[in-house]
Amino acid sequence: MGDINEFFDAGTTVDEQALRARGLVKGRADGIKILGDGEVSKKFTVKAHKFTAKAKELIEKAGGTAEVLAAPAKKPEAQAKA
């Protein structure tokens, strides 16, 4: 949460695309989980697949919204290895 607070302006919608653009998420897209480390002093709408209870609490305490997204579709094993 501290990185989100540092890198994004108040009122911003923070999603996977925005996190990747800032270099805060790398690698495969198996879903994004927001962790509750750091402080939040700005109002954000954060869209992710999972949130820790602390992250959700921090977002909502600052007046923001934590939106849970559906889990990304997983590729069948045979296609994933191809």
N, C-alpha and C. Protein backbone atom coordinates (compact mmCIF):
# COMPACT_ATOMS: atom_id res chain seq x y z
N MET A 1 0.82 -1.19 0.00
CA MET A 1 0.00 0.00 0.00
C MET A 1 0.86 1.25 0.00
N GLY A 2 1.99 1.19 0.64
CA GLY A 2 2.87 2.35 0.68
C GLY A 2 3.31 2.79 -0.70
N ASP A 3 3.61 1.83 -1.58
CA ASP A 3 4.01 2.16 -2.96
C ASP A 3 2.86 2.80 -3.72
N ILE A 4 1.67 2.29 -3.54
CA ILE A 4 0.50 2.86 -4.22
C ILE A 4 0.31 4.30 -3.76
N ASN A 5 0.43 4.52 -2.46
CA ASN A 5 0.27 5.86 -1.90
C ASN A 5 1.33 6.82 -2.45
N GLU A 6 2.54 6.30 -2.64
CA GLU A 6 3.65 7.12 -3.12
C GLU A 6 3.56 7.44 -4.61
N PHE A 7 3.18 6.44 -5.43
CA PHE A 7 3.26 6.58 -6.88
C PHE A 7 1.99 7.09 -7.56
N PHE A 8 0.86 7.12 -6.86
CA PHE A 8 -0.39 7.50 -7.51
C PHE A 8 -1.02 8.71 -6.82
N ASP A 9 -1.70 9.54 -7.61
CA ASP A 9 -2.39 10.71 -7.09
C ASP A 9 -3.74 10.32 -6.49
N ALA A 10 -4.21 11.12 -5.56
CA ALA A 10 -5.52 10.90 -4.96
C ALA A 10 -6.58 10.89 -6.05
N GLY A 11 -7.58 10.02 -5.89
CA GLY A 11 -8.66 9.92 -6.86
C GLY A 11 -8.39 8.99 -8.02
N THR A 12 -7.18 8.45 -8.08
CA THR A 12 -6.79 7.56 -9.17
C THR A 12 -7.43 6.19 -9.00
N THR A 13 -7.78 5.56 -10.14
CA THR A 13 -8.16 4.16 -10.12
C THR A 13 -6.90 3.36 -10.38
N VAL A 14 -6.56 2.51 -9.43
CA VAL A 14 -5.34 1.70 -9.50
C VAL A 14 -5.75 0.27 -9.84
N ASP A 15 -5.29 -0.20 -11.02
CA ASP A 15 -5.59 -1.56 -11.45
C ASP A 15 -4.30 -2.21 -11.93
N GLU A 16 -4.41 -3.43 -12.44
CA GLU A 16 -3.21 -4.15 -12.87
C GLU A 16 -2.42 -3.37 -13.92
N GLN A 17 -3.10 -2.79 -14.88
CA GLN A 17 -2.43 -2.04 -15.94
C GLN A 17 -1.65 -0.86 -15.36
N ALA A 18 -2.24 -0.13 -14.43
CA ALA A 18 -1.56 1.02 -13.81
C ALA A 18 -0.37 0.56 -12.98
N LEU A 19 -0.52 -0.55 -12.26
CA LEU A 19 0.59 -1.07 -11.44
C LEU A 19 1.74 -1.54 -12.33
N ARG A 20 1.43 -2.18 -13.44
CA ARG A 20 2.48 -2.64 -14.36
C ARG A 20 3.19 -1.44 -15.02
N ALA A 21 2.43 -0.41 -15.36
CA ALA A 21 3.02 0.78 -15.99
C ALA A 21 4.03 1.46 -15.07
N ARG A 22 3.82 1.37 -13.76
CA ARG A 22 4.74 1.96 -12.77
C ARG A 22 5.82 0.99 -12.32
N GLY A 23 5.81 -0.23 -12.86
CA GLY A 23 6.82 -1.21 -12.49
C GLY A 23 6.58 -1.85 -11.13
N LEU A 24 5.36 -1.75 -10.61
CA LEU A 24 5.06 -2.30 -9.29
C LEU A 24 4.60 -3.76 -9.36
N VAL A 25 4.27 -4.24 -10.57
CA VAL A 25 3.90 -5.63 -10.79
C VAL A 25 4.67 -6.11 -12.00
N LYS A 26 5.29 -7.27 -11.85
CA LYS A 26 6.06 -7.86 -12.95
C LYS A 26 5.69 -9.33 -13.06
N GLY A 27 6.08 -9.94 -14.15
CA GLY A 27 5.87 -11.38 -14.30
C GLY A 27 4.49 -11.72 -14.82
N ARG A 28 4.14 -12.99 -14.67
CA ARG A 28 2.87 -13.52 -15.18
C ARG A 28 1.69 -12.90 -14.45
N ALA A 29 0.56 -12.93 -15.13
CA ALA A 29 -0.67 -12.38 -14.55
C ALA A 29 -1.51 -13.51 -13.97
N ASP A 30 -1.13 -13.98 -12.79
CA ASP A 30 -1.90 -15.02 -12.09
C ASP A 30 -2.90 -14.38 -11.13
N GLY A 31 -3.06 -13.10 -11.24
CA GLY A 31 -3.92 -12.35 -10.32
C GLY A 31 -3.07 -11.42 -9.48
N ILE A 32 -3.66 -10.34 -9.09
CA ILE A 32 -2.97 -9.32 -8.30
C ILE A 32 -3.52 -9.36 -6.88
N LYS A 33 -2.62 -9.42 -5.89
CA LYS A 33 -3.01 -9.36 -4.49
C LYS A 33 -2.38 -8.12 -3.87
N ILE A 34 -3.20 -7.29 -3.26
CA ILE A 34 -2.73 -6.07 -2.62
C ILE A 34 -2.45 -6.36 -1.15
N LEU A 35 -1.23 -6.05 -0.73
CA LEU A 35 -0.81 -6.30 0.65
C LEU A 35 -0.96 -5.03 1.49
N GLY A 36 -1.11 -5.20 2.77
CA GLY A 36 -1.39 -4.07 3.66
C GLY A 36 -0.18 -3.47 4.35
N ASP A 37 0.96 -3.42 3.69
CA ASP A 37 2.12 -2.78 4.30
C ASP A 37 2.14 -1.30 3.95
N GLY A 38 2.70 -0.49 4.81
CA GLY A 38 2.78 0.94 4.56
C GLY A 38 1.54 1.68 5.03
N GLU A 39 1.45 2.93 4.64
CA GLU A 39 0.34 3.80 5.03
C GLU A 39 -0.39 4.30 3.80
N VAL A 40 -1.65 4.67 3.98
CA VAL A 40 -2.44 5.25 2.90
C VAL A 40 -3.04 6.55 3.41
N SER A 41 -2.73 7.64 2.71
CA SER A 41 -3.26 8.94 3.11
C SER A 41 -4.10 9.57 2.00
N LYS A 42 -4.29 8.83 0.90
CA LYS A 42 -5.06 9.34 -0.23
C LYS A 42 -6.21 8.40 -0.55
N LYS A 43 -7.24 8.96 -1.18
CA LYS A 43 -8.41 8.17 -1.58
C LYS A 43 -8.15 7.56 -2.95
N PHE A 44 -8.21 6.24 -3.04
CA PHE A 44 -8.01 5.50 -4.28
C PHE A 44 -9.16 4.53 -4.50
N THR A 45 -9.38 4.17 -5.76
CA THR A 45 -10.17 2.99 -6.09
C THR A 45 -9.15 1.97 -6.55
N VAL A 46 -9.02 0.89 -5.81
CA VAL A 46 -8.04 -0.14 -6.13
C VAL A 46 -8.78 -1.38 -6.59
N LYS A 47 -8.43 -1.85 -7.80
CA LYS A 47 -9.05 -3.04 -8.38
C LYS A 47 -8.01 -4.14 -8.44
N ALA A 48 -8.28 -5.25 -7.75
CA ALA A 48 -7.34 -6.37 -7.71
C ALA A 48 -8.12 -7.66 -7.49
N HIS A 49 -7.42 -8.76 -7.63
CA HIS A 49 -8.06 -10.07 -7.47
C HIS A 49 -8.19 -10.46 -6.00
N LYS A 50 -7.26 -9.98 -5.18
CA LYS A 50 -7.30 -10.28 -3.75
C LYS A 50 -6.72 -9.11 -2.96
N PHE A 51 -7.18 -8.97 -1.74
CA PHE A 51 -6.67 -7.96 -0.81
C PHE A 51 -6.47 -8.62 0.55
N THR A 52 -5.40 -8.26 1.24
CA THR A 52 -5.32 -8.69 2.63
C THR A 52 -6.33 -7.85 3.41
N ALA A 53 -6.73 -8.33 4.57
CA ALA A 53 -7.69 -7.59 5.40
C ALA A 53 -7.13 -6.21 5.74
N LYS A 54 -5.83 -6.13 6.02
CA LYS A 54 -5.18 -4.86 6.37
C LYS A 54 -5.21 -3.90 5.19
N ALA A 55 -4.95 -4.39 3.98
CA ALA A 55 -4.96 -3.52 2.79
C ALA A 55 -6.36 -2.94 2.58
N LYS A 56 -7.37 -3.78 2.67
CA LYS A 56 -8.75 -3.32 2.51
C LYS A 56 -9.09 -2.28 3.57
N GLU A 57 -8.67 -2.52 4.79
CA GLU A 57 -8.91 -1.59 5.90
C GLU A 57 -8.24 -0.23 5.62
N LEU A 58 -6.98 -0.26 5.18
CA LEU A 58 -6.25 0.99 4.90
C LEU A 58 -6.91 1.80 3.78
N ILE A 59 -7.31 1.11 2.72
CA ILE A 59 -7.95 1.78 1.59
C ILE A 59 -9.25 2.44 2.02
N GLU A 60 -10.08 1.68 2.72
CA GLU A 60 -11.39 2.19 3.13
C GLU A 60 -11.27 3.27 4.21
N LYS A 61 -10.30 3.16 5.09
CA LYS A 61 -10.09 4.17 6.14
C LYS A 61 -9.72 5.52 5.51
N ALA A 62 -9.02 5.49 4.37
CA ALA A 62 -8.63 6.72 3.67
C ALA A 62 -9.75 7.22 2.76
N GLY A 63 -10.91 6.53 2.76
CA GLY A 63 -12.05 6.97 1.96
C GLY A 63 -12.13 6.34 0.59
N GLY A 64 -11.24 5.38 0.32
CA GLY A 64 -11.21 4.73 -0.98
C GLY A 64 -12.06 3.48 -1.05
N THR A 65 -11.93 2.79 -2.18
CA THR A 65 -12.71 1.58 -2.44
C THR A 65 -11.77 0.46 -2.88
N ALA A 66 -11.98 -0.74 -2.31
CA ALA A 66 -11.25 -1.94 -2.72
C ALA A 66 -12.22 -2.81 -3.51
N GLU A 67 -11.98 -2.93 -4.82
CA GLU A 67 -12.86 -3.70 -5.70
C GLU A 67 -12.23 -5.04 -6.03
N VAL A 68 -12.90 -6.12 -5.65
CA VAL A 68 -12.38 -7.47 -5.91
C VAL A 68 -12.79 -7.89 -7.32
N LEU A 69 -11.79 -8.26 -8.12
CA LEU A 69 -12.01 -8.71 -9.49
C LEU A 69 -12.13 -10.24 -9.53
N ALA A 70 -12.78 -10.75 -10.55
CA ALA A 70 -12.86 -12.19 -10.76
C ALA A 70 -11.45 -12.73 -11.02
N ALA A 71 -11.21 -13.95 -10.59
CA ALA A 71 -9.91 -14.58 -10.81
C ALA A 71 -9.64 -14.70 -12.30
N PRO A 72 -8.39 -14.47 -12.73
CA PRO A 72 -8.08 -14.60 -14.15
C PRO A 72 -8.25 -16.05 -14.60
N ALA A 73 -8.64 -16.22 -15.85
CA ALA A 73 -8.83 -17.57 -16.40
C ALA A 73 -7.48 -18.26 -16.48
N LYS A 74 -7.45 -19.49 -16.03
CA LYS A 74 -6.20 -20.26 -16.09
C LYS A 74 -6.17 -21.06 -17.38
N LYS A 75 -4.98 -21.13 -17.98
CA LYS A 75 -4.81 -21.89 -19.21
C LYS A 75 -4.68 -23.37 -18.85
N PRO A 76 -5.23 -24.25 -19.68
CA PRO A 76 -5.02 -25.70 -19.43
C PRO A 76 -3.51 -25.99 -19.47
N GLU A 77 -3.07 -26.96 -18.70
CA GLU A 77 -1.64 -27.29 -18.58
C GLU A 77 -0.97 -27.53 -19.93
N ALA A 78 -1.62 -28.23 -20.86
CA ALA A 78 -1.02 -28.53 -22.16
C ALA A 78 -0.74 -27.25 -22.92
N GLN A 79 -1.64 -26.27 -22.86
CA GLN A 79 -1.43 -25.00 -23.58
C GLN A 79 -0.40 -24.14 -22.86
N ALA A 80 -0.35 -24.20 -21.56
CA ALA A 80 0.59 -23.37 -20.79
C ALA A 80 2.03 -23.74 -21.09
N LYS A 81 2.29 -25.02 -21.39
CA LYS A 81 3.65 -25.49 -21.66
C LYS A 81 4.03 -25.33 -23.12
N ALA A 82 3.08 -25.09 -23.99
CA ALA A 82 3.35 -25.00 -25.43
C ALA A 82 4.06 -23.73 -25.79
